[in-house]
Amino acid sequence: MNALRSFTGVERAAVLMMLVGEEEAAAILQKLEPDEVRNLGAAMFTVADVSESEVEQVLDDFVFKARNRSSVVFDPRPQIEGMMTKALGSERAEGVLARILPPVAGAGLEQLQWFEPEEIASMIAEEHPQIAAVLLAQLDAEVAAQVFDHLPQDVQPQILRRVAKLGPVPPEAIETLKAMLARRAGTTRKSVGLQLGGTREAAKILSGARKVTEQRVMPKLAKIDREVARAIEEAMFVFDNLLELDDKNLSTLIRSIDADVLTKSLKGVEEDVRNRFLGCMSSRAADGIRDEMEARGPMKLADVLEAQKVMIAVARGLVKDGTLQMPGKGGDDDYV
């Protein structure tokens, strides 16, 4: 019987990498530094002829060392973030992850779920806009929108601006917010700073608010901070929102778009999305767009995105002047 080889640490790792699936191995390699990837890759070629007995030796060594550890300590966040992003998409995953962090990051604020929007609004109505912004960023966008609707009109633009510009929130701000909540719920805990808010969070809040609130707040916000107002407006209306239009409104939009812009925009979407747009056109016009896309061949992503921005801008203008009606933005509020 031949003696078993004595593997180095990187060779043992290489054997283990050869045993896992390609997708799992790729996920591991993505976490390594370039020199580690090169060393591990070279070692995988070295151990390519490993025998069954040698594989068992490496596995036994791995199990032995694992059992000798008092606990397995690792940062689960990257894995959880990856799963959430694949399942929900980056934007939805970001919102979910912001609210499922371990309690140490935001302990004490979970009690907000027990309050009605009107009650939460009354709690922060007299607080500094920054505190109100931090609290809104802690809530689900739907609830935050309802709270925002009930806040004093004169502070709404300031609060929305601060939500959009939130980032790393100092522990002092969290403690102030929690102290305020403690007066209602009787709980206090030590906290750390949080990464909250942002343009998309502010856009979600305003999108969920009543149409009359949006129409009142945005002009005032533009006077305070035009750049933030523009960023929020853009975040509120993305290309996917165009799919929410019914056939009649989508046809109206298409007729307002230059054929070249439409061709570039649809070049970068999935087939079912493309068919949704083309289905709102005459057969002759749709065939013309298809022929043009095929004739142009591969197109730069930057050109596609720029064309889609043009479509979004046109749609946004048509919504503002009442030519288009976006679902969820109608109702009695439009006629107050």
Protein backbone atom coordinates (compact mmCIF):
# COMPACT_ATOMS: atom_id res chain seq x y z
CA MET A 1 0.00 0.00 0.00
CA ASN A 2 1.42 3.38 -0.96
CA ALA A 3 2.00 5.92 1.81
CA LEU A 4 -0.42 8.82 1.86
CA ARG A 5 0.90 12.22 0.86
CA SER A 6 1.48 14.96 3.38
CA PHE A 7 -0.56 17.90 2.14
CA THR A 8 0.22 21.53 2.84
CA GLY A 9 -2.52 23.80 4.13
CA VAL A 10 -3.29 25.24 0.71
CA GLU A 11 -3.34 21.74 -0.81
CA ARG A 12 -5.83 20.55 1.80
CA ALA A 13 -7.97 23.57 0.95
CA ALA A 14 -7.62 22.69 -2.74
CA VAL A 15 -8.87 19.14 -2.12
CA LEU A 16 -11.91 20.50 -0.29
CA MET A 17 -12.56 22.94 -3.12
CA MET A 18 -12.55 20.05 -5.60
CA LEU A 19 -15.23 18.31 -3.55
CA VAL A 20 -17.78 21.11 -3.46
CA GLY A 21 -19.96 22.16 -6.34
CA GLU A 22 -18.82 24.67 -8.95
CA GLU A 23 -21.22 27.36 -7.73
CA GLU A 24 -20.14 26.94 -4.09
CA ALA A 25 -16.48 26.98 -5.08
CA ALA A 26 -16.99 30.15 -7.11
CA ALA A 27 -18.64 31.82 -4.11
CA ILE A 28 -15.60 30.96 -1.99
CA LEU A 29 -13.12 32.21 -4.58
CA GLN A 30 -14.93 35.55 -4.75
CA LYS A 31 -14.05 36.14 -1.09
CA LEU A 32 -10.31 35.57 -1.57
CA GLU A 33 -7.51 37.97 -2.44
CA PRO A 34 -5.95 37.67 -5.94
CA ASP A 35 -2.77 35.98 -4.67
CA GLU A 36 -4.85 33.53 -2.64
CA VAL A 37 -6.89 32.66 -5.73
CA ARG A 38 -3.71 32.05 -7.73
CA ASN A 39 -2.15 29.87 -5.01
CA LEU A 40 -5.33 27.89 -4.48
CA GLY A 41 -5.84 27.43 -8.22
CA ALA A 42 -2.30 26.15 -8.69
CA ALA A 43 -2.76 23.76 -5.77
CA MET A 44 -5.95 22.38 -7.30
CA PHE A 45 -3.96 21.28 -10.35
CA THR A 46 -1.38 19.72 -8.03
CA VAL A 47 -3.95 17.59 -6.19
CA ALA A 48 -5.98 16.69 -9.28
CA ASP A 49 -4.83 13.05 -9.01
CA VAL A 50 -5.71 12.74 -5.31
CA SER A 51 -6.76 9.24 -4.29
CA GLU A 52 -9.87 8.24 -2.37
CA SER A 53 -7.79 7.47 0.72
CA GLU A 54 -6.11 10.86 0.54
CA VAL A 55 -9.50 12.58 0.25
CA GLU A 56 -10.60 10.75 3.39
CA GLN A 57 -7.40 11.87 5.10
CA VAL A 58 -8.10 15.52 4.27
CA LEU A 59 -11.72 15.26 5.35
CA ASP A 60 -10.79 13.57 8.63
CA ASP A 61 -8.26 16.32 9.31
CA PHE A 62 -10.87 18.99 8.57
CA VAL A 63 -13.50 17.37 10.83
CA PHE A 64 -10.96 16.93 13.61
CA LYS A 65 -9.94 20.59 13.54
CA ALA A 66 -13.55 21.72 13.29
CA ARG A 67 -14.52 19.71 16.36
CA ASN A 68 -11.65 21.21 18.35
CA ARG A 69 -13.02 24.69 17.88
CA SER A 70 -15.15 25.96 20.76
CA SER A 71 -17.50 27.51 18.22
CA VAL A 72 -17.74 28.29 14.54
CA VAL A 73 -17.53 32.06 14.22
CA PHE A 74 -18.16 33.80 10.92
CA ASP A 75 -19.85 36.87 9.58
CA PRO A 76 -23.16 35.68 8.08
CA ARG A 77 -24.01 39.02 6.51
CA PRO A 78 -22.39 38.47 3.08
CA GLN A 79 -24.14 35.12 2.65
CA ILE A 80 -27.50 36.47 3.80
CA GLU A 81 -27.13 39.57 1.61
CA GLY A 82 -26.34 37.35 -1.38
CA MET A 83 -29.39 35.15 -0.81
CA MET A 84 -31.68 38.13 -0.32
CA THR A 85 -30.37 39.90 -3.41
CA LYS A 86 -30.83 36.82 -5.61
CA ALA A 87 -34.33 36.24 -4.27
CA LEU A 88 -35.65 39.81 -4.12
CA GLY A 89 -33.41 41.96 -6.30
CA SER A 90 -30.94 44.52 -5.00
CA GLU A 91 -33.41 47.29 -4.15
CA ARG A 92 -35.96 45.16 -2.29
CA ALA A 93 -33.19 43.19 -0.57
CA GLU A 94 -31.61 46.41 0.65
CA GLY A 95 -34.86 47.46 2.26
CA VAL A 96 -35.39 44.08 3.92
CA LEU A 97 -31.82 43.81 5.19
CA ALA A 98 -32.00 47.28 6.70
CA ARG A 99 -34.76 46.00 8.95
CA ILE A 100 -33.49 42.55 9.91
CA LEU A 101 -30.12 43.49 11.31
CA PRO A 102 -29.32 41.92 14.67
CA PRO A 103 -30.90 43.73 17.64
CA VAL A 104 -27.59 45.25 18.72
CA ALA A 105 -27.70 47.55 15.71
CA GLY A 106 -31.11 49.02 16.31
CA ALA A 107 -32.49 47.59 19.52
CA GLY A 108 -35.34 49.50 21.04
CA LEU A 109 -36.78 50.80 17.77
CA GLU A 110 -38.69 47.61 16.92
CA GLN A 111 -41.45 48.80 19.24
CA LEU A 112 -42.56 51.24 16.52
CA GLN A 113 -44.54 48.43 14.88
CA TRP A 114 -47.03 48.62 17.73
CA PHE A 115 -47.97 52.27 17.04
CA GLU A 116 -50.44 53.63 14.52
CA PRO A 117 -49.03 56.03 11.87
CA GLU A 118 -50.95 58.95 13.37
CA GLU A 119 -49.49 58.19 16.78
CA ILE A 120 -45.94 57.96 15.45
CA ALA A 121 -46.42 61.27 13.66
CA SER A 122 -47.58 62.91 16.86
CA MET A 123 -44.51 61.58 18.65
CA ILE A 124 -42.07 63.28 16.27
CA ALA A 125 -44.08 66.32 15.18
CA GLU A 126 -42.22 68.59 17.60
CA GLU A 127 -38.84 66.86 17.28
CA HIS A 128 -35.92 68.10 15.20
CA PRO A 129 -36.32 67.14 11.50
CA GLN A 130 -33.18 64.98 11.73
CA ILE A 131 -34.73 62.84 14.46
CA ALA A 132 -37.93 62.53 12.44
CA ALA A 133 -35.89 61.50 9.40
CA VAL A 134 -34.04 58.80 11.33
CA LEU A 135 -37.31 57.40 12.64
CA LEU A 136 -38.95 57.36 9.18
CA ALA A 137 -35.94 55.54 7.75
CA GLN A 138 -36.49 52.80 10.37
CA LEU A 139 -40.02 52.11 9.17
CA ASP A 140 -41.29 50.10 6.23
CA ALA A 141 -41.81 52.50 3.33
CA GLU A 142 -45.60 52.00 3.36
CA VAL A 143 -45.88 52.88 7.05
CA ALA A 144 -43.35 55.69 6.72
CA ALA A 145 -45.46 57.21 3.93
CA GLN A 146 -48.54 57.22 6.17
CA VAL A 147 -46.57 58.81 9.01
CA PHE A 148 -45.16 61.39 6.59
CA ASP A 149 -48.68 62.32 5.49
CA HIS A 150 -49.61 63.15 9.08
CA LEU A 151 -46.58 65.35 9.81
CA PRO A 152 -46.91 69.16 9.78
CA GLN A 153 -46.81 70.41 6.21
CA ASP A 154 -44.21 73.08 6.93
CA VAL A 155 -41.58 70.52 8.00
CA GLN A 156 -42.29 67.80 5.41
CA PRO A 157 -39.81 69.12 2.80
CA GLN A 158 -37.03 69.41 5.39
CA ILE A 159 -37.67 65.93 6.73
CA LEU A 160 -37.77 64.36 3.26
CA ARG A 161 -34.50 66.08 2.35
CA ARG A 162 -32.84 64.71 5.49
CA VAL A 163 -34.09 61.19 4.75
CA ALA A 164 -32.54 61.44 1.29
CA LYS A 165 -29.22 62.61 2.70
CA LEU A 166 -29.04 60.17 5.62
CA GLY A 167 -26.04 57.90 5.81
CA PRO A 168 -24.04 56.82 8.85
CA VAL A 169 -26.17 57.98 11.80
CA PRO A 170 -24.17 58.75 14.96
CA PRO A 171 -25.03 56.82 18.13
CA GLU A 172 -26.13 60.06 19.78
CA ALA A 173 -28.96 60.48 17.29
CA ILE A 174 -30.12 56.90 17.83
CA GLU A 175 -30.00 57.38 21.60
CA THR A 176 -32.04 60.58 21.34
CA LEU A 177 -34.65 58.82 19.25
CA LYS A 178 -34.78 55.84 21.59
CA ALA A 179 -35.00 58.08 24.64
CA MET A 180 -38.05 59.70 23.09
CA LEU A 181 -39.57 56.27 22.44
CA ALA A 182 -38.67 55.17 25.94
CA ARG A 183 -40.95 57.82 27.37
CA ARG A 184 -43.77 55.96 25.62
CA ALA A 185 -42.63 52.35 25.90
CA GLY A 186 -40.24 52.41 28.84
CA THR A 187 -37.20 50.76 27.25
CA THR A 188 -33.65 52.00 26.78
CA ARG A 189 -30.56 50.23 25.48
CA LYS A 190 -27.10 51.10 24.33
CA SER A 191 -26.95 51.48 20.56
CA VAL A 192 -24.46 51.93 17.77
CA GLY A 193 -24.58 54.08 14.66
CA LEU A 194 -26.69 52.92 11.73
CA GLN A 195 -26.62 53.30 7.96
CA LEU A 196 -30.07 54.63 7.13
CA GLY A 197 -32.07 56.54 4.58
CA GLY A 198 -30.89 57.59 1.17
CA THR A 199 -32.55 58.86 -1.96
CA ARG A 200 -34.43 55.63 -2.65
CA GLU A 201 -35.79 55.51 0.89
CA ALA A 202 -37.03 59.08 0.58
CA ALA A 203 -38.54 58.25 -2.82
CA LYS A 204 -40.39 55.25 -1.37
CA ILE A 205 -41.83 57.39 1.40
CA LEU A 206 -43.06 60.05 -0.99
CA SER A 207 -44.34 57.48 -3.51
CA GLY A 208 -46.49 55.93 -0.81
CA ALA A 209 -47.84 59.27 0.37
CA ARG A 210 -50.95 60.88 -1.06
CA LYS A 211 -50.65 62.52 -4.46
CA VAL A 212 -51.58 65.89 -2.98
CA THR A 213 -48.70 65.54 -0.50
CA GLU A 214 -46.24 64.83 -3.31
CA GLN A 215 -47.50 67.81 -5.32
CA ARG A 216 -47.12 70.11 -2.33
CA VAL A 217 -43.78 68.85 -1.01
CA MET A 218 -41.68 68.54 -4.16
CA PRO A 219 -41.79 72.23 -5.24
CA LYS A 220 -40.88 73.30 -1.71
CA LEU A 221 -38.08 70.72 -1.52
CA ALA A 222 -36.72 71.93 -4.86
CA LYS A 223 -36.38 75.42 -3.41
CA ILE A 224 -34.50 74.05 -0.40
CA ASP A 225 -32.25 71.61 -2.27
CA ARG A 226 -32.74 71.26 -6.04
CA GLU A 227 -30.22 68.42 -6.36
CA VAL A 228 -31.91 66.27 -3.72
CA ALA A 229 -35.34 66.99 -5.21
CA ARG A 230 -34.17 65.92 -8.66
CA ALA A 231 -32.58 62.75 -7.28
CA ILE A 232 -35.75 61.82 -5.40
CA GLU A 233 -37.88 62.49 -8.46
CA GLU A 234 -35.67 60.23 -10.58
CA ALA A 235 -35.72 57.49 -7.95
CA MET A 236 -39.51 57.64 -7.77
CA PHE A 237 -39.84 56.87 -11.48
CA VAL A 238 -37.67 54.11 -12.97
CA PHE A 239 -37.98 52.22 -16.24
CA ASP A 240 -39.79 49.28 -14.63
CA ASN A 241 -42.54 51.67 -13.52
CA LEU A 242 -43.52 52.07 -17.17
CA LEU A 243 -44.78 48.48 -17.11
CA GLU A 244 -47.38 49.55 -14.54
CA LEU A 245 -49.12 51.63 -17.21
CA ASP A 246 -52.21 50.07 -18.78
CA ASP A 247 -52.24 49.49 -22.54
CA LYS A 248 -53.93 52.79 -23.29
CA ASN A 249 -51.45 54.87 -21.30
CA LEU A 250 -48.49 52.86 -22.54
CA SER A 251 -49.63 53.44 -26.14
CA THR A 252 -49.84 57.16 -25.42
CA LEU A 253 -46.29 57.14 -24.08
CA ILE A 254 -44.93 55.16 -27.04
CA ARG A 255 -46.43 57.67 -29.48
CA SER A 256 -44.52 60.41 -27.64
CA ILE A 257 -41.14 58.63 -27.91
CA ASP A 258 -38.79 58.97 -30.84
CA ALA A 259 -38.36 55.67 -32.71
CA ASP A 260 -34.58 55.73 -32.22
CA VAL A 261 -34.96 56.20 -28.45
CA LEU A 262 -37.56 53.42 -28.27
CA THR A 263 -35.33 51.04 -30.25
CA LYS A 264 -32.35 51.63 -27.96
CA SER A 265 -34.47 51.39 -24.81
CA LEU A 266 -36.02 48.05 -25.73
CA LYS A 267 -32.67 46.62 -26.82
CA GLY A 268 -31.68 46.20 -23.19
CA VAL A 269 -34.79 44.55 -21.72
CA GLU A 270 -36.06 41.00 -21.38
CA GLU A 271 -38.16 39.55 -24.18
CA ASP A 272 -41.40 39.60 -22.17
CA VAL A 273 -40.87 43.28 -21.29
CA ARG A 274 -40.11 44.08 -24.93
CA ASN A 275 -43.27 42.30 -26.04
CA ARG A 276 -45.29 44.30 -23.52
CA PHE A 277 -44.22 47.53 -25.23
CA LEU A 278 -44.46 46.21 -28.78
CA GLY A 279 -47.90 44.78 -28.03
CA CYS A 280 -49.19 48.33 -27.59
CA MET A 281 -48.10 49.28 -31.11
CA SER A 282 -49.46 48.42 -34.52
CA SER A 283 -48.07 45.21 -36.03
CA ARG A 284 -46.29 47.19 -38.71
CA ALA A 285 -44.65 49.56 -36.24
CA ALA A 286 -43.67 46.70 -33.91
CA ASP A 287 -42.09 44.76 -36.77
CA GLY A 288 -40.16 47.88 -37.74
CA ILE A 289 -38.72 48.22 -34.23
CA ARG A 290 -37.77 44.53 -34.16
CA ASP A 291 -36.05 44.77 -37.54
CA GLU A 292 -34.16 47.87 -36.44
CA MET A 293 -32.96 46.23 -33.21
CA GLU A 294 -31.74 43.21 -35.13
CA ALA A 295 -29.99 45.35 -37.73
CA ARG A 296 -28.10 47.36 -35.12
CA GLY A 297 -26.56 44.31 -33.47
CA PRO A 298 -24.89 44.60 -30.03
CA MET A 299 -25.33 47.98 -28.39
CA LYS A 300 -23.41 49.67 -25.57
CA LEU A 301 -25.16 49.39 -22.22
CA ALA A 302 -24.52 53.11 -21.61
CA ASP A 303 -26.48 53.98 -24.76
CA VAL A 304 -29.38 51.77 -23.71
CA LEU A 305 -29.53 53.27 -20.23
CA GLU A 306 -29.35 56.80 -21.63
CA ALA A 307 -32.27 56.07 -23.96
CA GLN A 308 -34.27 54.62 -21.09
CA LYS A 309 -33.61 57.79 -19.09
CA VAL A 310 -35.07 59.79 -21.96
CA MET A 311 -38.19 57.60 -21.94
CA ILE A 312 -38.53 58.02 -18.19
CA ALA A 313 -38.17 61.80 -18.48
CA VAL A 314 -40.86 61.95 -21.17
CA ALA A 315 -43.17 59.74 -19.10
CA ARG A 316 -42.59 61.85 -16.01
CA GLY A 317 -43.51 64.97 -17.96
CA LEU A 318 -46.68 63.38 -19.31
CA VAL A 319 -47.69 62.31 -15.81
CA LYS A 320 -47.15 65.83 -14.51
CA ASP A 321 -49.33 67.44 -17.16
CA GLY A 322 -52.04 64.80 -16.72
CA THR A 323 -51.61 63.09 -20.09
CA LEU A 324 -50.58 59.82 -18.39
CA GLN A 325 -52.07 58.33 -15.24
CA MET A 326 -49.84 56.07 -13.15
CA PRO A 327 -51.63 53.35 -11.14
CA GLY A 328 -51.80 54.10 -7.42
CA LYS A 329 -51.53 57.85 -7.94
CA GLY A 330 -55.13 58.59 -8.73
CA GLY A 331 -58.16 58.78 -6.49
CA ASP A 332 -59.88 61.55 -4.64
CA ASP A 333 -56.60 63.15 -3.61
CA ASP A 334 -56.14 64.34 -7.18
CA TYR A 335 -59.26 66.47 -6.92
CA VAL A 336 -58.85 68.05 -3.47
